[in-house]
Protein backbone atom coordinates (compact mmCIF):
# COMPACT_ATOMS: atom_id res chain seq x y z
CA MET A 1 112.49 94.66 110.91
CA VAL A 2 112.65 92.71 107.67
CA GLY A 3 110.07 91.56 105.16
CA ARG A 4 108.60 88.10 105.01
CA LYS A 5 110.75 85.39 103.52
CA GLY A 6 109.84 84.55 99.94
CA ALA A 7 107.88 81.39 99.24
CA VAL A 8 110.52 80.29 96.68
CA PRO A 9 114.26 80.61 97.36
CA PRO A 10 116.03 82.71 94.69
CA SER A 11 118.37 79.79 93.93
CA ASP A 12 115.37 77.63 92.95
CA ILE A 13 114.07 80.35 90.63
CA ILE A 14 117.47 80.80 88.99
CA ASP A 15 117.90 77.05 88.49
CA ALA A 16 114.46 76.77 86.92
CA VAL A 17 115.07 79.71 84.57
CA LEU A 18 118.45 78.33 83.51
CA THR A 19 116.75 75.02 82.72
CA PHE A 20 114.58 76.85 80.18
CA LYS A 21 117.35 79.25 79.08
CA GLU A 22 117.02 78.47 75.36
CA ARG A 23 113.39 79.57 75.42
CA VAL A 24 113.85 82.51 77.81
CA VAL A 25 116.69 84.23 75.92
CA LEU A 26 116.38 84.79 72.17
CA LYS A 27 118.21 86.89 69.58
CA ASN A 28 116.81 89.47 67.19
CA GLU A 29 117.83 90.28 63.61
CA LYS A 30 120.85 92.25 64.88
CA ASN A 31 121.99 89.21 66.87
CA GLU A 32 121.19 91.02 70.12
CA MET A 33 119.98 89.00 73.09
CA TYR A 34 116.64 89.79 74.69
CA ILE A 35 114.20 88.31 77.22
CA VAL A 36 110.92 86.99 75.78
CA ALA A 37 107.70 88.80 76.66
CA ALA A 38 105.71 88.03 79.79
CA THR A 39 102.95 86.48 77.67
CA ASN A 40 105.26 83.74 76.37
CA GLN A 41 104.32 80.17 77.32
CA VAL A 42 107.79 79.55 78.79
CA TRP A 43 106.94 81.50 81.97
CA THR A 44 103.95 79.23 82.61
CA ASP A 45 106.20 76.19 82.09
CA ILE A 46 108.70 77.58 84.62
CA ARG A 47 105.87 78.23 87.08
CA LEU A 48 104.76 74.61 86.81
CA TYR A 49 108.39 73.45 87.03
CA ILE A 50 108.81 75.05 90.48
CA GLY A 51 105.56 73.58 91.74
CA ASP A 52 103.21 76.50 91.03
CA ARG A 53 104.63 78.40 94.01
CA MET A 54 105.11 81.65 92.10
CA SER A 55 103.11 83.41 89.37
CA SER A 56 104.32 83.61 85.79
CA ASN A 57 104.42 87.42 85.88
CA ALA A 58 106.48 87.39 89.07
CA ILE A 59 109.04 85.05 87.48
CA HIS A 60 109.26 87.29 84.41
CA THR A 61 109.74 90.36 86.63
CA PHE A 62 112.44 88.52 88.61
CA VAL A 63 114.37 87.92 85.39
CA GLN A 64 113.64 91.26 83.70
CA LYS A 65 114.85 93.20 86.76
CA GLY A 66 118.05 91.11 86.87
CA ARG A 67 117.62 90.14 90.49
CA HIS A 68 120.29 88.05 92.23
CA GLY A 69 122.59 88.35 89.20
CA ILE A 70 120.41 86.20 86.95
CA MET A 71 121.08 88.32 83.85
CA GLU A 72 124.80 87.53 84.03
CA LYS A 73 124.01 83.84 84.52
CA LEU A 74 121.90 83.94 81.37
CA GLY A 75 124.86 85.31 79.41
CA PHE A 76 124.07 89.02 79.29
CA PRO A 77 127.12 91.32 79.57
CA LEU A 78 127.60 93.49 82.63
CA LYS A 79 126.30 96.99 81.94
CA PHE A 80 127.84 98.61 84.99
CA LYS A 81 130.29 97.91 87.76
CA GLN A 82 128.56 97.13 91.00
CA SER A 83 129.42 99.28 93.97
CA CYS A 84 130.42 97.81 97.30
CA GLU A 85 128.69 100.58 99.21
CA ILE A 86 125.91 99.35 101.46
CA VAL A 87 122.74 101.36 101.11
CA HIS A 88 120.20 101.19 103.91
CA THR A 89 116.73 101.43 102.40
CA PRO A 90 113.97 102.50 104.77
CA ILE A 91 111.18 100.01 105.21
CA LEU A 92 107.81 101.49 104.29
CA PRO A 93 104.38 100.29 105.35
CA ASP A 94 102.03 98.69 102.82
CA ASP A 95 100.20 101.92 102.07
CA GLU A 96 103.32 103.94 101.30
CA GLU A 97 105.71 103.81 98.35
CA SER A 98 109.35 104.39 97.72
CA PRO A 99 110.25 107.70 96.05
CA ASP A 100 112.70 105.78 93.86
CA ASP A 101 109.75 104.32 91.95
CA TYR A 102 109.03 107.72 90.41
CA SER A 103 112.32 109.57 90.58
CA SER A 104 114.03 110.67 87.38
CA ASN A 105 117.68 111.10 86.58
CA ASP A 106 119.33 114.22 85.20
CA GLU A 107 118.98 113.00 81.61
CA ASP A 108 115.21 112.61 82.02
CA ASP A 109 114.94 116.07 83.59
CA ALA A 110 116.31 117.58 80.38
CA LEU A 111 113.51 116.06 78.26
CA PRO A 112 110.38 118.03 77.33
CA CYS A 113 107.68 117.86 79.98
CA LYS A 114 103.99 118.71 80.02
CA LYS A 115 101.89 119.18 83.15
CA PHE A 116 98.13 118.98 83.01
CA VAL A 117 95.04 117.95 84.97
CA PHE A 118 92.41 115.35 84.11
CA THR A 119 88.89 116.19 85.30
CA PHE A 120 86.73 113.10 85.69
CA SER A 121 82.99 113.55 85.80
CA SER A 122 80.99 111.81 88.52
CA GLU A 123 79.82 109.23 85.95
CA GLU A 124 83.39 108.47 84.89
CA TRP A 125 84.54 108.26 88.49
CA ASP A 126 81.77 105.76 89.25
CA GLN A 127 83.33 103.50 86.60
CA ILE A 128 86.97 103.78 87.69
CA GLN A 129 86.87 104.40 91.43
CA PRO A 130 88.83 101.87 93.54
CA GLN A 131 87.18 98.65 94.59
CA GLU A 132 87.98 96.44 97.54
CA LYS A 133 89.41 93.02 96.74
CA VAL A 134 89.63 90.23 99.29
CA PHE A 135 92.18 87.43 98.82
CA LYS A 136 92.71 84.25 100.79
CA LEU A 137 96.01 83.82 102.60
CA THR A 138 97.82 80.50 102.99
CA ASP A 139 100.68 81.80 105.13
CA LYS A 140 101.41 79.15 107.78
CA SER A 141 103.28 81.70 109.92
CA ARG A 142 100.03 83.67 110.36
CA PRO A 143 97.30 81.04 110.83
CA MET A 144 94.85 83.48 112.43
CA GLN A 145 94.82 85.72 109.34
CA SER A 146 92.96 83.90 106.57
CA THR A 147 92.23 86.85 104.25
CA ARG A 148 93.72 90.13 103.19
CA SER A 149 91.95 93.01 101.50
CA TYR A 150 93.21 95.99 99.57
CA TYR A 151 91.88 98.46 97.03
CA VAL A 152 92.55 98.36 93.30
CA LEU A 153 91.31 100.21 90.23
CA PRO A 154 88.77 98.06 88.32
CA LYS A 155 90.58 95.94 85.76
CA GLY A 156 90.08 96.87 82.12
CA THR A 157 87.95 99.94 82.88
CA TRP A 158 90.20 102.80 83.96
CA THR A 159 92.86 102.62 81.23
CA PRO A 160 90.56 103.44 78.23
CA ILE A 161 89.11 106.43 80.11
CA LEU A 162 92.58 107.80 80.96
CA ALA A 163 93.75 107.26 77.38
CA GLU A 164 90.79 109.24 75.99
CA HIS A 165 91.40 112.12 78.43
CA PHE A 166 95.06 112.15 77.38
CA TRP A 167 94.10 112.40 73.69
CA ALA A 168 91.61 115.19 74.43
CA HIS A 169 94.40 117.25 76.04
CA PHE A 170 97.22 116.81 73.51
CA GLN A 171 96.11 115.11 70.27
CA LEU A 172 99.38 113.17 70.25
CA PRO A 173 99.90 109.84 68.41
CA CYS A 174 101.40 108.28 71.57
CA CYS A 175 100.05 104.86 72.44
CA LEU A 176 99.96 104.87 76.24
CA SER A 177 100.51 101.57 78.02
CA PHE A 178 99.65 101.83 81.71
CA ARG A 179 101.88 99.61 83.82
CA ARG A 180 100.08 99.95 87.11
CA GLY A 181 97.60 101.97 89.10
CA LYS A 182 98.07 101.85 92.86
CA VAL A 183 95.61 102.89 95.55
CA TYR A 184 96.74 104.08 99.00
CA PRO A 185 93.64 104.59 101.20
CA SER A 186 95.71 106.00 104.10
CA GLY A 187 98.82 107.20 102.28
CA SER A 188 100.12 110.65 101.38
CA VAL A 189 98.38 110.30 98.00
CA TYR A 190 95.19 108.41 97.15
CA ILE A 191 95.92 107.07 93.64
CA ARG A 192 99.07 106.98 91.56
CA VAL A 193 99.16 105.80 87.95
CA VAL A 194 102.26 105.09 85.85
CA GLY A 195 102.40 104.53 82.10
CA ARG A 196 104.55 105.05 79.03
CA CYS A 197 104.27 105.42 75.28
CA SER A 198 105.21 102.12 73.64
CA VAL A 199 106.68 103.99 70.63
CA CYS A 200 108.65 107.00 71.92
CA ASP A 201 109.03 105.70 75.52
CA SER A 202 107.72 108.95 77.04
CA ARG A 203 106.65 108.54 80.67
CA PHE A 204 103.26 109.33 82.17
CA ASN A 205 102.53 109.89 85.85
CA GLY A 206 99.10 110.67 87.26
CA THR A 207 98.19 111.40 90.88
CA VAL A 208 94.93 111.85 92.77
CA PHE A 209 95.99 113.39 96.07
CA ASP A 210 92.84 113.09 98.17
CA LYS A 211 89.92 110.70 98.26
CA PRO A 212 87.02 112.62 96.70
CA PRO A 213 83.56 112.89 98.27
CA GLY A 214 80.67 111.12 96.63
CA GLY A 215 79.18 112.75 93.54
CA ALA A 216 82.01 115.25 93.07
CA LYS A 217 84.33 115.74 90.12
CA VAL A 218 87.78 114.23 90.55
CA LEU A 219 91.08 115.86 89.58
CA MET A 220 94.14 113.85 88.54
CA HIS A 221 97.38 115.86 88.32
CA CYS A 222 99.55 114.47 85.53
CA THR A 223 103.00 114.90 84.00
CA PHE A 224 104.18 113.57 80.64
CA ARG A 225 107.91 113.61 79.99
CA GLY A 226 109.91 112.37 77.00
CA ASN A 227 110.47 112.71 73.27
CA PHE A 228 106.76 112.88 72.46
CA GLN A 229 107.28 115.85 70.10
CA GLU A 230 109.39 113.78 67.71
CA ALA A 231 107.75 111.97 64.79
CA HIS A 232 106.64 108.45 65.67
CA LYS A 233 108.17 105.93 63.26
CA THR A 234 105.35 103.43 63.73
CA THR A 235 101.66 103.74 64.50
CA LYS A 236 100.37 101.52 67.28
CA LYS A 237 96.78 101.01 68.36
CA ARG A 238 95.51 100.45 71.86
CA ARG A 239 94.02 97.08 72.64
CA MET A 240 90.24 97.21 72.96
CA ILE A 241 89.20 96.44 76.53
CA GLY A 242 86.47 97.48 78.93
CA PRO A 243 84.24 100.38 77.81
CA ALA A 244 86.04 100.69 74.45
CA MET A 245 85.28 97.07 73.57
CA GLU A 246 81.68 97.31 74.80
CA LYS A 247 81.09 100.38 72.64
CA ALA A 248 82.53 98.69 69.54
CA ILE A 249 80.46 95.53 70.10
CA SER A 250 77.28 97.57 70.58
CA SER A 251 77.88 99.58 67.40
CA ILE A 252 79.02 96.75 65.11
CA CYS A 253 77.21 93.67 66.38
CA VAL A 254 74.00 95.21 67.75
CA ASP A 255 73.45 98.34 65.63
CA GLY A 256 74.86 96.71 62.50
CA LEU A 257 77.48 99.31 61.59
CA SER A 258 80.34 98.28 59.32
CA SER A 259 83.90 98.46 60.63
CA GLU A 260 84.77 101.43 58.44
CA THR A 261 81.61 103.33 59.35
CA TYR A 262 82.41 102.90 63.03
CA ARG A 263 85.97 104.16 62.44
CA GLU A 264 84.66 107.18 60.53
CA ARG A 265 82.27 108.10 63.34
CA GLU A 266 85.02 107.79 65.94
CA ALA A 267 87.30 109.94 63.77
CA VAL A 268 84.63 112.66 63.55
CA ARG A 269 84.21 112.53 67.34
CA LEU A 270 87.90 112.56 68.29
CA ILE A 271 90.05 114.08 65.55
CA LYS A 272 90.40 117.79 64.94
CA THR A 273 91.62 119.20 61.64
CA GLY A 274 95.32 118.43 61.15
CA ALA A 275 95.57 116.02 64.08
CA PRO A 276 97.33 112.64 63.63
CA ASP A 277 95.60 109.28 63.65
CA PRO A 278 94.94 108.49 67.34
CA SER A 279 95.77 105.18 68.93
CA LEU A 280 92.24 105.14 70.38
CA ILE A 281 90.57 104.31 67.06
CA PRO A 282 90.99 100.57 66.41
CA SER A 283 92.03 99.29 63.01
CA GLY A 284 89.43 97.90 60.63
CA ASN A 285 90.98 94.45 60.86
CA SER A 286 90.77 94.35 64.67
CA LEU A 287 87.10 95.38 64.49
CA ARG A 288 86.34 92.62 61.99
CA ILE A 289 88.11 90.08 64.19
CA LEU A 290 86.12 91.30 67.20
CA LYS A 291 82.85 90.94 65.30
CA SER A 292 83.82 87.43 64.19
CA GLN A 293 84.63 86.42 67.78
CA VAL A 294 81.37 87.82 69.14
CA THR A 295 79.35 86.12 66.41
CA ALA A 296 81.10 82.80 66.98
CA GLY A 297 80.54 83.08 70.72
CA SER A 298 76.78 83.53 70.28
CA ARG A 299 76.33 80.35 68.23
CA ARG A 300 74.81 77.23 69.71
CA HIS A 301 77.55 75.13 68.10
CA GLU A 302 80.62 75.85 65.99
CA ASP A 303 79.08 73.82 63.13
CA THR A 304 76.24 75.68 61.36
CA LEU A 305 74.13 72.60 60.57
CA THR A 306 74.35 71.41 64.16
CA SER A 307 73.35 74.90 65.36
CA LEU A 308 70.25 74.85 63.13
CA ALA A 309 69.32 71.38 64.38
CA LEU A 310 69.62 72.59 67.99
CA MET A 311 67.56 75.70 67.24
CA LYS A 312 64.82 73.56 65.70
CA GLN A 313 64.30 71.90 69.10
CA GLU A 314 64.02 75.18 71.02
CA ASP A 315 60.64 76.64 71.96
CA ASP A 316 61.35 79.89 70.11
CA PHE A 317 62.00 78.15 66.78
CA LYS A 318 60.34 74.72 66.84
CA ASN A 319 57.21 76.07 65.07
CA ILE A 320 59.23 78.24 62.67
CA ILE A 321 62.06 76.00 61.37
CA HIS A 322 60.41 73.05 59.60
CA ASP A 323 62.66 71.23 57.12
CA ILE A 324 66.47 71.13 56.96
CA GLY A 325 68.49 69.44 54.22
CA CYS A 326 72.21 68.75 54.07
CA ASP A 327 73.12 67.80 50.48
CA PRO A 328 72.13 70.12 48.94
CA PHE A 329 71.55 72.45 51.85
CA TYR A 330 68.09 73.95 52.22
CA LEU A 331 65.92 75.25 55.05
CA HIS A 332 62.17 75.88 55.13
CA TYR A 333 60.88 78.29 57.71
CA HIS A 334 57.54 80.00 58.32
CA CYS A 335 55.33 80.76 61.28
CA ALA A 336 51.67 79.92 61.95
CA ASP A 337 50.58 83.55 61.56
CA GLN A 338 51.90 83.66 57.99
CA ILE A 339 49.91 80.53 57.04
CA LYS A 340 46.77 81.95 58.69
CA ILE A 341 47.06 85.24 56.81
CA TYR A 342 47.56 83.42 53.49
CA ARG A 343 44.52 81.17 54.04
CA ASN A 344 42.29 84.17 54.81
CA TYR A 345 43.61 85.94 51.71
CA ARG A 346 42.93 82.88 49.55
CA LYS A 347 39.26 82.76 50.63
CA GLY A 348 38.51 86.25 49.38
CA SER A 349 40.22 86.31 45.97
CA ARG A 350 42.17 84.27 43.52
CA PRO A 351 45.71 84.20 44.95
CA ARG A 352 48.67 85.46 42.99
CA LEU A 353 52.08 84.51 44.37
CA ILE A 354 55.34 86.35 43.65
CA ILE A 355 58.62 84.58 44.46
CA ASP A 356 61.89 86.47 44.72
CA ALA A 357 65.38 84.95 45.15
CA THR A 358 68.29 86.96 46.56
CA GLY A 359 71.81 85.56 46.54
CA SER A 360 73.78 88.05 48.62
CA VAL A 361 72.00 87.71 51.97
CA VAL A 362 73.07 84.31 53.30
CA LYS A 363 76.79 83.49 53.53
CA LYS A 364 78.30 80.19 52.50
CA PHE A 365 79.44 77.90 55.31
CA LEU A 366 81.20 74.59 55.86
CA LYS A 367 78.86 71.62 56.19
CA LEU A 368 79.99 69.47 59.10
CA SER A 369 83.24 71.50 59.06
CA LYS A 370 84.36 69.79 55.83
CA GLN A 371 82.56 70.76 52.61
CA LYS A 372 81.59 74.32 51.76
CA THR A 373 78.08 74.93 50.47
CA SER A 374 77.30 76.32 47.05
CA SER A 375 75.72 79.75 46.71
CA ILE A 376 72.74 80.05 49.04
CA PHE A 377 69.66 81.92 47.81
CA LEU A 378 67.02 83.40 50.07
CA TYR A 379 63.59 82.70 48.53
CA GLU A 380 60.70 84.84 49.70
CA GLY A 381 57.08 84.31 48.63
CA LEU A 382 54.85 87.38 48.43
CA VAL A 383 51.12 87.52 47.67
CA TYR A 384 49.76 90.26 45.42
CA ASP A 385 46.83 92.05 47.05
CA SER A 386 45.08 94.47 44.68
C-alpha cells in the first residue's frame, strides 16, 4: 500500500525553485548560504509559476527539508554521506503519527530537561478545544468523496494560553514558537503540541492523552529540553494574536490606557521579584503600532476631512456637525439640547459666556493627504450660572 501520488511531480517543483534560485538562496554577513523565510514573496511567485497547484508553505517545506536532493542542486554542500541501506517505513493511518517526529538523539538526551503538567480550567479549555474543519476535495480519483473533515486547535487562540502557562511554571525568558498542534480523535493520544524557543532552541512537547469530558479540567503533560538555563543573548517578544491581542486592544483602545501603563500592569500581574522580562509582555512600540492600526481601521476614510464630511451625512452626526472649513481648518459642532438649555438660561438672567481654548486635545493631521494643519485648538463655551 502506498500513499497518493502528489499533485505536482518533484521534478516540476525543483525546476521552479531553480528558476527563482537567486531569490530563494541568500548569504548572510558571514557569507553563509541560507534559505529565505517562508513569509518571503518568492514562495508565492513559485506557487503561481507552477500553476497554483501547491501552497507556498508546502514549497518552502519541500526546500527546507532538502527533499529529492534539492539542497545540493541549489549549491549547498553535502552535510553527510547518504547510506545505501533501504529502510522500510511502516505506513500509518491518518490518525496516527510516526515516532520519529518526536524522537531525540543521544546528544539531546544529555541536555537539561524539565517535566511538568499544564492544568487548563474549563473556561480555558472551551477556548482551545479542537474544532472540526471541513474542506472540499478535488481529487478526480475519488469523485464520490467531495469533502474531508478533521479536527484542529483553533487558530490564534491556543498558543497564547500555552505560553502563559509555560511562564507561570518556570519564569524563563524563552520565547516559545509553536510549530504545530495535532489532534488525533481515535489515536493513542488526543492532542500533541510541538514548539521551540526561538533564542536558545530548546524543545517543547505537550501531550493530552485522553479526550476530556465536558466541564472538566484538562491536563497536558509537557517536557522542555535544551539549553534554557543559559543566558539568552537577545530578548524576543511573542507576536500578539488571539486573546492576547484582544486584551491589549480592549485596554488601550477602549479603556484608554497608555502603552506603558498597560505594560506596567502586565508586569505586576506576571513578574515575580527577580524574574526576567517575559516574552509575553509586548514592547511599547508594538502596542503603539497596534493602537494606530485599530484607530485607522475604525475611520470612515483614510483622509480626515473626507471622514468628517461622511460623518456629517450620518444620522448620528447630521444634527451635531454643522460647519466644516478646509483652509484654515475649523469645525463647528453642537446639539439641539445645548441650544435649548442656553435659550432657557438666557430668558431668566443676563447671560455671561466663558470661552476656553485648549491646544493639546486635537492632533494635527494632513489635509487631503498633502498639507498638514497648523495647531488645532478646542474652543468650549461655558455659561456662568450664579
